[in-house]
Amino acid sequence: MNYTQLVAEIESYTENQFEIADINTFIEQAEQRVYNSVQFPAIRRNKTGTTTVSNKYLTCPNDWLATFSLAVIDGSGNYKYLLDKDVNFIRASYPSATDTGLPEYYALFDQNTFILGPTPDDNYSVELHYYYYPESIVSAGTTWLGDNFDSVLLYGALLEAYTFMKGEPDVLAEYQKRYDNAMLLLKQLGDGKNRRDAYRNGQVRIPVV
């Protein structure tokens, strides 16, 4: 389902003609709800960068939302995945900027920056896998969600639209039920089937058959 089809379906289901700004808000709010409820590959990306000698800070990508993994690549090309810790752990373990070496730990220092421990002693390559908001179907026209799970996008947008309309509670409840059923199927894919062989402990995962 592309953007034009989605708009048409929302207006058909609700039997209402909305201002374009309003209908775009319904869709974007639905997307945000989905992207914050399920972890699936379409909302994950990776970027590479470089540490700076004697600088324990590393800048986050502009579209970063949450970290999946952070690895430092040593001089032999080996990947060393850093352990996620609190800032106070890194400060206590490596109190001086002269505590240098191949980083072993990282923490989120602020919304734009990671802190590494120990302080890098070389310009190491790093690879960050992280979650982000993909471009909305409103501007992209088509998205992975619209192409593969249009039901969850449609009913999510209908919930927003019908709430805006102050619609009948029984109809709203039916939209909620259908959204929940579609979300369950999406979670079985994103948090279930896609996690079968996950190596790292602590990931969100639901059992699937």
N, C-alpha and C. Protein backbone atom coordinates (compact mmCIF):
# COMPACT_ATOMS: atom_id res chain seq x y z
N MET A 1 0.84 -1.19 0.00
CA MET A 1 0.00 0.00 0.00
C MET A 1 0.88 1.25 0.00
N ASN A 2 0.69 2.11 -0.99
CA ASN A 2 1.46 3.34 -1.04
C ASN A 2 0.69 4.48 -0.36
N TYR A 3 1.29 5.66 -0.36
CA TYR A 3 0.70 6.79 0.37
C TYR A 3 -0.68 7.13 -0.18
N THR A 4 -0.82 7.22 -1.50
CA THR A 4 -2.10 7.59 -2.10
C THR A 4 -3.19 6.58 -1.74
N GLN A 5 -2.85 5.30 -1.79
CA GLN A 5 -3.82 4.26 -1.43
C GLN A 5 -4.19 4.34 0.05
N LEU A 6 -3.21 4.62 0.89
CA LEU A 6 -3.46 4.71 2.32
C LEU A 6 -4.42 5.87 2.64
N VAL A 7 -4.18 7.01 2.04
CA VAL A 7 -5.06 8.17 2.25
C VAL A 7 -6.48 7.82 1.81
N ALA A 8 -6.61 7.19 0.66
CA ALA A 8 -7.93 6.84 0.15
C ALA A 8 -8.65 5.87 1.08
N GLU A 9 -7.92 4.90 1.63
CA GLU A 9 -8.52 3.94 2.54
C GLU A 9 -8.97 4.58 3.85
N ILE A 10 -8.16 5.48 4.38
CA ILE A 10 -8.52 6.17 5.62
C ILE A 10 -9.81 6.97 5.42
N GLU A 11 -9.90 7.69 4.33
CA GLU A 11 -11.10 8.49 4.08
C GLU A 11 -12.30 7.62 3.76
N SER A 12 -12.06 6.46 3.13
CA SER A 12 -13.17 5.55 2.83
C SER A 12 -13.71 4.91 4.10
N TYR A 13 -12.81 4.45 4.97
CA TYR A 13 -13.23 3.81 6.22
C TYR A 13 -13.99 4.79 7.11
N THR A 14 -13.50 6.02 7.19
CA THR A 14 -14.10 7.00 8.11
C THR A 14 -15.23 7.79 7.45
N GLU A 15 -15.37 7.65 6.13
CA GLU A 15 -16.37 8.41 5.37
C GLU A 15 -16.22 9.90 5.64
N ASN A 16 -14.97 10.35 5.55
CA ASN A 16 -14.68 11.75 5.87
C ASN A 16 -13.56 12.24 4.97
N GLN A 17 -13.59 13.50 4.63
CA GLN A 17 -12.53 14.15 3.88
C GLN A 17 -11.74 15.03 4.84
N PHE A 18 -10.47 14.74 4.99
CA PHE A 18 -9.63 15.47 5.94
C PHE A 18 -8.75 16.48 5.23
N GLU A 19 -8.32 17.49 5.97
CA GLU A 19 -7.26 18.36 5.48
C GLU A 19 -6.00 17.53 5.34
N ILE A 20 -5.20 17.80 4.32
CA ILE A 20 -4.02 16.98 4.05
C ILE A 20 -3.04 17.01 5.22
N ALA A 21 -2.93 18.16 5.89
CA ALA A 21 -2.03 18.26 7.04
C ALA A 21 -2.49 17.34 8.16
N ASP A 22 -3.80 17.24 8.35
CA ASP A 22 -4.33 16.39 9.41
C ASP A 22 -4.10 14.91 9.09
N ILE A 23 -4.37 14.51 7.87
CA ILE A 23 -4.23 13.10 7.52
C ILE A 23 -2.76 12.69 7.55
N ASN A 24 -1.86 13.60 7.20
CA ASN A 24 -0.43 13.29 7.30
C ASN A 24 -0.02 13.09 8.75
N THR A 25 -0.61 13.90 9.64
CA THR A 25 -0.32 13.74 11.08
C THR A 25 -0.80 12.38 11.57
N PHE A 26 -2.00 11.95 11.15
CA PHE A 26 -2.51 10.64 11.55
C PHE A 26 -1.53 9.54 11.16
N ILE A 27 -1.04 9.61 9.93
CA ILE A 27 -0.14 8.58 9.42
C ILE A 27 1.19 8.59 10.16
N GLU A 28 1.76 9.78 10.35
CA GLU A 28 3.05 9.89 11.02
C GLU A 28 2.97 9.45 12.48
N GLN A 29 1.86 9.75 13.15
CA GLN A 29 1.68 9.30 14.52
C GLN A 29 1.57 7.78 14.58
N ALA A 30 0.88 7.19 13.61
CA ALA A 30 0.78 5.73 13.55
C ALA A 30 2.14 5.09 13.32
N GLU A 31 2.92 5.67 12.41
CA GLU A 31 4.26 5.14 12.15
C GLU A 31 5.12 5.20 13.41
N GLN A 32 5.06 6.33 14.11
CA GLN A 32 5.87 6.48 15.31
C GLN A 32 5.49 5.44 16.36
N ARG A 33 4.20 5.18 16.49
CA ARG A 33 3.75 4.17 17.45
C ARG A 33 4.30 2.79 17.09
N VAL A 34 4.24 2.45 15.83
CA VAL A 34 4.73 1.14 15.39
C VAL A 34 6.23 1.03 15.59
N TYR A 35 6.97 2.05 15.17
CA TYR A 35 8.43 1.99 15.23
C TYR A 35 8.95 1.95 16.66
N ASN A 36 8.14 2.39 17.61
CA ASN A 36 8.55 2.33 19.01
C ASN A 36 8.00 1.10 19.73
N SER A 37 7.30 0.24 19.00
CA SER A 37 6.70 -0.94 19.61
C SER A 37 7.37 -2.24 19.17
N VAL A 38 7.97 -2.24 17.99
CA VAL A 38 8.55 -3.47 17.42
C VAL A 38 9.93 -3.16 16.87
N GLN A 39 10.87 -4.08 17.07
CA GLN A 39 12.21 -3.94 16.51
C GLN A 39 12.35 -4.88 15.31
N PHE A 40 12.31 -4.31 14.13
CA PHE A 40 12.48 -5.12 12.92
C PHE A 40 13.55 -4.47 12.04
N PRO A 41 14.12 -5.25 11.10
CA PRO A 41 15.30 -4.77 10.36
C PRO A 41 15.11 -3.45 9.62
N ALA A 42 13.89 -3.14 9.21
CA ALA A 42 13.66 -1.92 8.42
C ALA A 42 13.91 -0.65 9.21
N ILE A 43 13.97 -0.73 10.55
CA ILE A 43 14.24 0.47 11.34
C ILE A 43 15.65 0.43 11.94
N ARG A 44 16.49 -0.43 11.37
CA ARG A 44 17.87 -0.52 11.85
C ARG A 44 18.83 -0.16 10.70
N ARG A 45 19.87 0.55 11.02
CA ARG A 45 20.89 0.86 10.02
C ARG A 45 22.26 0.87 10.69
N ASN A 46 23.30 0.93 9.89
CA ASN A 46 24.64 0.99 10.47
C ASN A 46 25.46 2.07 9.77
N LYS A 47 26.38 2.63 10.54
CA LYS A 47 27.30 3.64 10.01
C LYS A 47 28.68 3.37 10.59
N THR A 48 29.68 3.77 9.83
CA THR A 48 31.06 3.65 10.29
C THR A 48 31.62 5.03 10.56
N GLY A 49 32.60 5.07 11.45
CA GLY A 49 33.26 6.32 11.79
C GLY A 49 34.65 6.04 12.31
N THR A 50 35.24 7.03 12.93
CA THR A 50 36.61 6.90 13.43
C THR A 50 36.74 7.59 14.76
N THR A 51 37.40 6.93 15.70
CA THR A 51 37.72 7.58 16.96
C THR A 51 38.89 8.53 16.75
N THR A 52 39.11 9.42 17.72
CA THR A 52 40.22 10.36 17.67
C THR A 52 41.15 10.08 18.84
N VAL A 53 42.44 10.04 18.56
CA VAL A 53 43.44 9.79 19.61
C VAL A 53 43.24 10.77 20.76
N SER A 54 43.22 10.22 22.00
CA SER A 54 43.12 11.00 23.23
C SER A 54 41.79 11.73 23.40
N ASN A 55 40.79 11.34 22.59
CA ASN A 55 39.44 11.93 22.72
C ASN A 55 38.48 10.79 23.06
N LYS A 56 37.93 10.82 24.26
CA LYS A 56 37.07 9.72 24.71
C LYS A 56 35.63 9.84 24.24
N TYR A 57 35.33 10.88 23.45
CA TYR A 57 33.94 11.08 23.01
C TYR A 57 33.77 10.73 21.54
N LEU A 58 32.59 10.21 21.22
CA LEU A 58 32.25 9.81 19.86
C LEU A 58 30.86 10.36 19.56
N THR A 59 30.71 11.05 18.45
CA THR A 59 29.44 11.70 18.12
C THR A 59 28.44 10.70 17.57
N CYS A 60 27.19 10.80 18.03
CA CYS A 60 26.10 9.95 17.52
C CYS A 60 25.66 10.46 16.14
N PRO A 61 25.17 9.57 15.27
CA PRO A 61 24.56 10.03 14.02
C PRO A 61 23.35 10.92 14.31
N ASN A 62 23.03 11.80 13.39
CA ASN A 62 21.93 12.74 13.60
C ASN A 62 20.58 12.04 13.75
N ASP A 63 20.42 10.88 13.11
CA ASP A 63 19.13 10.18 13.15
C ASP A 63 19.11 9.04 14.16
N TRP A 64 20.09 9.00 15.05
CA TRP A 64 20.19 7.93 16.05
C TRP A 64 19.04 8.01 17.05
N LEU A 65 18.44 6.85 17.35
CA LEU A 65 17.42 6.76 18.39
C LEU A 65 17.87 5.87 19.54
N ALA A 66 18.42 4.69 19.21
CA ALA A 66 18.87 3.75 20.24
C ALA A 66 19.94 2.86 19.63
N THR A 67 20.84 2.39 20.45
CA THR A 67 21.97 1.59 19.98
C THR A 67 21.65 0.11 19.99
N PHE A 68 22.03 -0.56 18.91
CA PHE A 68 21.95 -2.02 18.85
C PHE A 68 23.31 -2.61 19.20
N SER A 69 24.37 -2.10 18.60
CA SER A 69 25.73 -2.54 18.94
C SER A 69 26.72 -1.48 18.48
N LEU A 70 27.88 -1.46 19.16
CA LEU A 70 28.98 -0.56 18.80
C LEU A 70 30.27 -1.37 18.85
N ALA A 71 30.99 -1.38 17.75
CA ALA A 71 32.22 -2.16 17.64
C ALA A 71 33.39 -1.27 17.26
N VAL A 72 34.56 -1.58 17.82
CA VAL A 72 35.81 -0.95 17.43
C VAL A 72 36.59 -1.97 16.60
N ILE A 73 37.19 -1.52 15.53
CA ILE A 73 37.96 -2.40 14.65
C ILE A 73 39.44 -2.13 14.91
N ASP A 74 40.16 -3.16 15.37
CA ASP A 74 41.56 -2.95 15.72
C ASP A 74 42.45 -2.96 14.48
N GLY A 75 43.74 -2.83 14.69
CA GLY A 75 44.69 -2.73 13.58
C GLY A 75 44.75 -3.96 12.71
N SER A 76 44.30 -5.09 13.22
CA SER A 76 44.29 -6.34 12.44
C SER A 76 42.97 -6.56 11.73
N GLY A 77 42.06 -5.61 11.87
CA GLY A 77 40.76 -5.75 11.23
C GLY A 77 39.75 -6.55 12.02
N ASN A 78 40.08 -6.84 13.29
CA ASN A 78 39.17 -7.61 14.13
C ASN A 78 38.14 -6.70 14.79
N TYR A 79 36.91 -7.18 14.85
CA TYR A 79 35.84 -6.41 15.48
C TYR A 79 35.79 -6.73 16.97
N LYS A 80 35.80 -5.69 17.79
CA LYS A 80 35.64 -5.85 19.23
C LYS A 80 34.38 -5.10 19.63
N TYR A 81 33.36 -5.86 20.04
CA TYR A 81 32.09 -5.24 20.40
C TYR A 81 32.16 -4.70 21.83
N LEU A 82 31.87 -3.43 21.97
CA LEU A 82 31.99 -2.76 23.26
C LEU A 82 30.79 -3.08 24.15
N LEU A 83 31.03 -3.12 25.45
CA LEU A 83 29.97 -3.37 26.42
C LEU A 83 29.33 -2.06 26.84
N ASP A 84 28.01 -2.06 26.89
CA ASP A 84 27.25 -0.87 27.26
C ASP A 84 27.27 -0.70 28.78
N LYS A 85 27.76 0.45 29.24
CA LYS A 85 27.83 0.74 30.67
C LYS A 85 27.26 2.13 30.95
N ASP A 86 27.18 2.47 32.22
CA ASP A 86 26.78 3.82 32.62
C ASP A 86 28.00 4.74 32.57
N VAL A 87 27.71 6.03 32.44
CA VAL A 87 28.80 7.02 32.42
C VAL A 87 29.61 6.95 33.70
N ASN A 88 28.95 6.75 34.84
CA ASN A 88 29.69 6.72 36.11
C ASN A 88 30.65 5.54 36.19
N PHE A 89 30.30 4.41 35.54
CA PHE A 89 31.21 3.27 35.50
C PHE A 89 32.49 3.63 34.74
N ILE A 90 32.32 4.27 33.60
CA ILE A 90 33.48 4.63 32.79
C ILE A 90 34.32 5.69 33.50
N ARG A 91 33.67 6.66 34.12
CA ARG A 91 34.41 7.69 34.85
C ARG A 91 35.20 7.08 36.01
N ALA A 92 34.59 6.12 36.71
CA ALA A 92 35.27 5.51 37.85
C ALA A 92 36.39 4.58 37.40
N SER A 93 36.17 3.86 36.31
CA SER A 93 37.17 2.90 35.83
C SER A 93 38.35 3.58 35.14
N TYR A 94 38.07 4.68 34.46
CA TYR A 94 39.11 5.40 33.71
C TYR A 94 39.01 6.89 34.06
N PRO A 95 39.40 7.26 35.27
CA PRO A 95 39.21 8.64 35.74
C PRO A 95 40.03 9.69 35.00
N SER A 96 41.13 9.26 34.39
CA SER A 96 42.00 10.22 33.72
C SER A 96 41.93 10.06 32.22
N ALA A 97 42.01 11.17 31.50
CA ALA A 97 42.03 11.12 30.04
C ALA A 97 43.26 10.40 29.51
N THR A 98 44.28 10.25 30.36
CA THR A 98 45.50 9.55 29.95
C THR A 98 45.38 8.04 30.10
N ASP A 99 44.22 7.55 30.60
CA ASP A 99 43.97 6.11 30.65
C ASP A 99 43.54 5.68 29.25
N THR A 100 44.53 5.33 28.43
CA THR A 100 44.27 5.08 27.02
C THR A 100 44.44 3.61 26.67
N GLY A 101 43.91 3.24 25.52
CA GLY A 101 44.01 1.87 25.02
C GLY A 101 42.89 1.62 24.02
N LEU A 102 42.73 0.35 23.63
CA LEU A 102 41.61 -0.02 22.76
C LEU A 102 40.33 0.01 23.60
N PRO A 103 39.33 0.81 23.24
CA PRO A 103 38.12 0.91 24.06
C PRO A 103 37.46 -0.45 24.28
N GLU A 104 36.93 -0.62 25.48
CA GLU A 104 36.21 -1.83 25.85
C GLU A 104 34.75 -1.56 26.20
N TYR A 105 34.45 -0.32 26.59
CA TYR A 105 33.12 0.03 27.06
C TYR A 105 32.66 1.33 26.39
N TYR A 106 31.35 1.50 26.37
CA TYR A 106 30.80 2.78 25.93
C TYR A 106 29.56 3.09 26.76
N ALA A 107 29.21 4.36 26.81
CA ALA A 107 27.99 4.80 27.48
C ALA A 107 27.44 6.00 26.73
N LEU A 108 26.14 6.21 26.85
CA LEU A 108 25.53 7.39 26.26
C LEU A 108 25.79 8.57 27.19
N PHE A 109 26.62 9.52 26.72
CA PHE A 109 27.00 10.66 27.55
C PHE A 109 25.91 11.73 27.55
N ASP A 110 25.38 12.05 26.37
CA ASP A 110 24.22 12.93 26.23
C ASP A 110 23.51 12.52 24.95
N GLN A 111 22.53 13.30 24.53
CA GLN A 111 21.73 12.89 23.38
C GLN A 111 22.50 12.88 22.06
N ASN A 112 23.70 13.45 22.07
CA ASN A 112 24.48 13.53 20.83
C ASN A 112 25.82 12.81 20.89
N THR A 113 26.18 12.24 22.04
CA THR A 113 27.55 11.79 22.23
C THR A 113 27.64 10.50 23.04
N PHE A 114 28.55 9.61 22.61
CA PHE A 114 28.96 8.46 23.41
C PHE A 114 30.27 8.80 24.12
N ILE A 115 30.50 8.17 25.27
CA ILE A 115 31.79 8.25 25.94
C ILE A 115 32.39 6.86 25.94
N LEU A 116 33.70 6.76 25.66
CA LEU A 116 34.38 5.48 25.53
C LEU A 116 35.34 5.27 26.69
N GLY A 117 35.56 4.04 27.04
CA GLY A 117 36.54 3.72 28.07
C GLY A 117 37.30 2.44 27.72
N PRO A 118 38.62 2.46 27.76
CA PRO A 118 39.46 3.63 28.01
C PRO A 118 39.47 4.60 26.82
N THR A 119 40.11 5.74 27.02
CA THR A 119 40.26 6.72 25.94
C THR A 119 41.04 6.10 24.79
N PRO A 120 40.57 6.22 23.54
CA PRO A 120 41.28 5.61 22.40
C PRO A 120 42.73 6.08 22.31
N ASP A 121 43.63 5.12 22.07
CA ASP A 121 45.04 5.45 21.89
C ASP A 121 45.43 5.48 20.41
N ASP A 122 44.42 5.39 19.54
CA ASP A 122 44.67 5.42 18.11
C ASP A 122 43.38 5.87 17.42
N ASN A 123 43.48 6.14 16.12
CA ASN A 123 42.30 6.49 15.34
C ASN A 123 41.65 5.20 14.82
N TYR A 124 40.86 4.58 15.69
CA TYR A 124 40.23 3.30 15.34
C TYR A 124 38.96 3.52 14.51
N SER A 125 38.74 2.60 13.57
CA SER A 125 37.45 2.58 12.88
C SER A 125 36.40 2.00 13.82
N VAL A 126 35.21 2.53 13.76
CA VAL A 126 34.11 2.02 14.57
C VAL A 126 32.91 1.75 13.67
N GLU A 127 32.09 0.79 14.09
CA GLU A 127 30.86 0.48 13.36
C GLU A 127 29.70 0.47 14.34
N LEU A 128 28.71 1.31 14.08
CA LEU A 128 27.56 1.45 14.96
C LEU A 128 26.32 0.93 14.26
N HIS A 129 25.64 -0.04 14.89
CA HIS A 129 24.32 -0.48 14.45
C HIS A 129 23.31 0.16 15.38
N TYR A 130 22.29 0.79 14.82
CA TYR A 130 21.37 1.55 15.67
C TYR A 130 19.99 1.61 15.05
N TYR A 131 19.04 2.03 15.87
CA TYR A 131 17.66 2.19 15.43
C TYR A 131 17.39 3.65 15.09
N TYR A 132 16.53 3.86 14.10
CA TYR A 132 16.20 5.20 13.65
C TYR A 132 14.78 5.20 13.09
N TYR A 133 14.22 6.38 12.87
CA TYR A 133 12.93 6.49 12.22
C TYR A 133 13.15 6.53 10.70
N PRO A 134 12.66 5.53 9.97
CA PRO A 134 12.76 5.60 8.51
C PRO A 134 11.95 6.78 7.98
N GLU A 135 12.21 7.14 6.75
CA GLU A 135 11.43 8.22 6.13
C GLU A 135 9.96 7.82 6.11
N SER A 136 9.10 8.77 6.42
CA SER A 136 7.67 8.51 6.47
C SER A 136 7.13 8.22 5.08
N ILE A 137 6.09 7.39 5.04
CA ILE A 137 5.41 7.14 3.77
C ILE A 137 4.79 8.42 3.22
N VAL A 138 4.57 9.40 4.10
CA VAL A 138 4.02 10.69 3.68
C VAL A 138 4.94 11.37 2.67
N SER A 139 6.24 11.30 2.90
CA SER A 139 7.18 11.94 1.99
C SER A 139 7.81 10.96 1.00
N ALA A 140 7.96 9.69 1.42
CA ALA A 140 8.62 8.71 0.57
C ALA A 140 7.68 8.10 -0.47
N GLY A 141 6.38 8.08 -0.17
CA GLY A 141 5.42 7.48 -1.10
C GLY A 141 5.21 6.00 -0.84
N THR A 142 6.31 5.26 -0.65
CA THR A 142 6.26 3.85 -0.30
C THR A 142 7.29 3.57 0.78
N THR A 143 7.00 2.62 1.65
CA THR A 143 7.93 2.22 2.70
C THR A 143 7.83 0.73 2.92
N TRP A 144 8.79 0.19 3.69
CA TRP A 144 8.75 -1.24 4.03
C TRP A 144 7.46 -1.57 4.75
N LEU A 145 7.04 -0.73 5.67
CA LEU A 145 5.83 -0.99 6.44
C LEU A 145 4.61 -1.01 5.53
N GLY A 146 4.50 -0.06 4.64
CA GLY A 146 3.37 -0.02 3.72
C GLY A 146 3.35 -1.19 2.76
N ASP A 147 4.53 -1.64 2.34
CA ASP A 147 4.61 -2.74 1.39
C ASP A 147 4.39 -4.11 2.04
N ASN A 148 4.79 -4.25 3.31
CA ASN A 148 4.80 -5.57 3.94
C ASN A 148 3.79 -5.75 5.07
N PHE A 149 3.43 -4.66 5.75
CA PHE A 149 2.46 -4.75 6.85
C PHE A 149 1.53 -3.55 6.81
N ASP A 150 0.82 -3.41 5.70
CA ASP A 150 -0.06 -2.25 5.54
C ASP A 150 -1.21 -2.27 6.53
N SER A 151 -1.59 -3.45 7.04
CA SER A 151 -2.71 -3.52 7.98
C SER A 151 -2.41 -2.76 9.26
N VAL A 152 -1.20 -2.92 9.79
CA VAL A 152 -0.87 -2.24 11.04
C VAL A 152 -0.77 -0.73 10.82
N LEU A 153 -0.30 -0.32 9.65
CA LEU A 153 -0.23 1.11 9.33
C LEU A 153 -1.62 1.69 9.14
N LEU A 154 -2.49 0.97 8.43
CA LEU A 154 -3.84 1.44 8.18
C LEU A 154 -4.62 1.59 9.48
N TYR A 155 -4.65 0.55 10.30
CA TYR A 155 -5.46 0.62 11.51
C TYR A 155 -4.84 1.56 12.55
N GLY A 156 -3.53 1.72 12.53
CA GLY A 156 -2.92 2.72 13.39
C GLY A 156 -3.35 4.12 13.00
N ALA A 157 -3.39 4.39 11.70
CA ALA A 157 -3.82 5.71 11.22
C ALA A 157 -5.32 5.91 11.46
N LEU A 158 -6.10 4.84 11.32
CA LEU A 158 -7.54 4.96 11.58
C LEU A 158 -7.82 5.28 13.04
N LEU A 159 -7.03 4.70 13.94
CA LEU A 159 -7.18 5.04 15.35
C LEU A 159 -6.96 6.53 15.59
N GLU A 160 -5.93 7.07 14.95
CA GLU A 160 -5.65 8.50 15.10
C GLU A 160 -6.76 9.34 14.48
N ALA A 161 -7.21 8.93 13.28
CA ALA A 161 -8.23 9.70 12.58
C ALA A 161 -9.56 9.67 13.31
N TYR A 162 -9.95 8.50 13.80
CA TYR A 162 -11.26 8.38 14.45
C TYR A 162 -11.26 9.04 15.83
N THR A 163 -10.12 9.03 16.49
CA THR A 163 -9.99 9.78 17.74
C THR A 163 -10.14 11.28 17.48
N PHE A 164 -9.52 11.74 16.39
CA PHE A 164 -9.63 13.15 15.99
C PHE A 164 -11.08 13.52 15.72
N MET A 165 -11.84 12.58 15.14
CA MET A 165 -13.23 12.82 14.80
C MET A 165 -14.16 12.71 16.02
N LYS A 166 -13.59 12.22 17.15
CA LYS A 166 -14.41 11.95 18.34
C LYS A 166 -15.54 10.98 17.97
N GLY A 167 -15.11 9.89 17.32
CA GLY A 167 -16.06 8.92 16.80
C GLY A 167 -16.67 8.03 17.88
N GLU A 168 -17.56 7.15 17.42
CA GLU A 168 -18.28 6.26 18.32
C GLU A 168 -17.31 5.31 19.03
N PRO A 169 -17.49 5.11 20.34
CA PRO A 169 -16.58 4.25 21.10
C PRO A 169 -16.51 2.82 20.58
N ASP A 170 -17.64 2.26 20.11
CA ASP A 170 -17.63 0.87 19.65
C ASP A 170 -16.82 0.72 18.36
N VAL A 171 -16.89 1.71 17.49
CA VAL A 171 -16.10 1.67 16.26
C VAL A 171 -14.62 1.84 16.58
N LEU A 172 -14.32 2.75 17.49
CA LEU A 172 -12.94 2.96 17.91
C LEU A 172 -12.37 1.69 18.53
N ALA A 173 -13.19 1.01 19.32
CA ALA A 173 -12.75 -0.24 19.94
C ALA A 173 -12.47 -1.31 18.89
N GLU A 174 -13.26 -1.34 17.83
CA GLU A 174 -13.04 -2.31 16.75
C GLU A 174 -11.74 -2.00 16.01
N TYR A 175 -11.48 -0.73 15.76
CA TYR A 175 -10.20 -0.35 15.14
C TYR A 175 -9.03 -0.75 16.03
N GLN A 176 -9.18 -0.54 17.34
CA GLN A 176 -8.13 -0.91 18.28
C GLN A 176 -7.88 -2.41 18.25
N LYS A 177 -8.94 -3.18 18.21
CA LYS A 177 -8.83 -4.65 18.16
C LYS A 177 -8.08 -5.09 16.91
N ARG A 178 -8.46 -4.52 15.78
CA ARG A 178 -7.81 -4.89 14.53
C ARG A 178 -6.35 -4.44 14.50
N TYR A 179 -6.08 -3.27 15.06
CA TYR A 179 -4.70 -2.81 15.16
C TYR A 179 -3.87 -3.74 16.04
N ASP A 180 -4.44 -4.13 17.18
CA ASP A 180 -3.72 -5.02 18.09
C ASP A 180 -3.42 -6.36 17.43
N ASN A 181 -4.37 -6.90 16.66
CA ASN A 181 -4.15 -8.17 15.97
C ASN A 181 -3.05 -8.05 14.92
N ALA A 182 -3.07 -6.94 14.18
CA ALA A 182 -2.03 -6.72 13.18
C ALA A 182 -0.66 -6.52 13.84
N MET A 183 -0.64 -5.80 14.97
CA MET A 183 0.60 -5.58 15.69
C MET A 183 1.17 -6.89 16.23
N LEU A 184 0.30 -7.79 16.66
CA LEU A 184 0.75 -9.08 17.16
C LEU A 184 1.49 -9.85 16.07
N LEU A 185 0.97 -9.82 14.86
CA LEU A 185 1.63 -10.50 13.74
C LEU A 185 2.99 -9.85 13.43
N LEU A 186 3.03 -8.53 13.49
CA LEU A 186 4.29 -7.82 13.24
C LEU A 186 5.31 -8.14 14.32
N LYS A 187 4.88 -8.20 15.57
CA LYS A 187 5.79 -8.51 16.67
C LYS A 187 6.31 -9.95 16.55
N GLN A 188 5.48 -10.86 16.07
CA GLN A 188 5.94 -12.23 15.87
C GLN A 188 7.07 -12.28 14.84
N LEU A 189 7.02 -11.37 13.87
CA LEU A 189 8.11 -11.29 12.89
C LEU A 189 9.31 -10.56 13.45
N GLY A 190 9.10 -9.33 13.92
CA GLY A 190 10.23 -8.50 14.33
C GLY A 190 10.88 -8.93 15.62
N ASP A 191 10.06 -9.28 16.63
CA ASP A 191 10.60 -9.64 17.94
C ASP A 191 10.61 -11.14 18.17
N GLY A 192 10.18 -11.91 17.17
CA GLY A 192 10.16 -13.36 17.30
C GLY A 192 11.03 -14.04 16.27
N LYS A 193 10.53 -14.16 15.04
CA LYS A 193 11.24 -14.90 14.00
C LYS A 193 12.61 -14.30 13.68
N ASN A 194 12.69 -12.98 13.70
CA ASN A 194 13.98 -12.34 13.40
C ASN A 194 14.98 -12.44 14.54
N ARG A 195 14.56 -13.02 15.68
CA ARG A 195 15.44 -13.14 16.84
C ARG A 195 15.85 -14.59 17.11
N ARG A 196 15.45 -15.52 16.28
CA ARG A 196 15.69 -16.93 16.57
C ARG A 196 17.15 -17.24 16.87
N ASP A 197 18.04 -16.68 16.06
CA ASP A 197 19.46 -17.01 16.20
C ASP A 197 20.27 -15.83 16.74
N ALA A 198 19.60 -14.93 17.44
CA ALA A 198 20.30 -13.76 17.98
C ALA A 198 21.39 -14.19 18.96
N TYR A 199 22.57 -13.60 18.83
CA TYR A 199 23.72 -13.96 19.66
C TYR A 199 23.71 -13.23 20.99
N ARG A 200 23.32 -11.96 20.95
CA ARG A 200 23.43 -11.13 22.14
C ARG A 200 22.26 -11.35 23.08
N ASN A 201 22.55 -11.51 24.36
CA ASN A 201 21.51 -11.61 25.38
C ASN A 201 20.88 -10.24 25.63
N GLY A 202 19.67 -10.25 26.16
CA GLY A 202 19.03 -9.02 26.56
C GLY A 202 18.21 -8.36 25.48
N GLN A 203 18.15 -8.93 24.28
CA GLN A 203 17.33 -8.36 23.23
C GLN A 203 15.86 -8.67 23.48
N VAL A 204 15.00 -7.76 23.02
CA VAL A 204 13.57 -8.03 23.08
C VAL A 204 13.27 -9.23 22.20
N ARG A 205 12.57 -10.23 22.75
CA ARG A 205 12.24 -11.41 21.97
C ARG A 205 10.98 -12.06 22.52
N ILE A 206 10.08 -12.45 21.63
CA ILE A 206 8.90 -13.19 22.03
C ILE A 206 8.99 -14.57 21.42
N PRO A 207 8.47 -15.61 22.09
CA PRO A 207 8.54 -16.97 21.55
C PRO A 207 7.61 -17.14 20.36
N VAL A 208 8.07 -17.86 19.35
CA VAL A 208 7.25 -18.18 18.18
C VAL A 208 7.42 -19.65 17.88
N VAL A 209 6.45 -20.20 17.18
CA VAL A 209 6.51 -21.61 16.81
C VAL A 209 6.91 -21.74 15.36
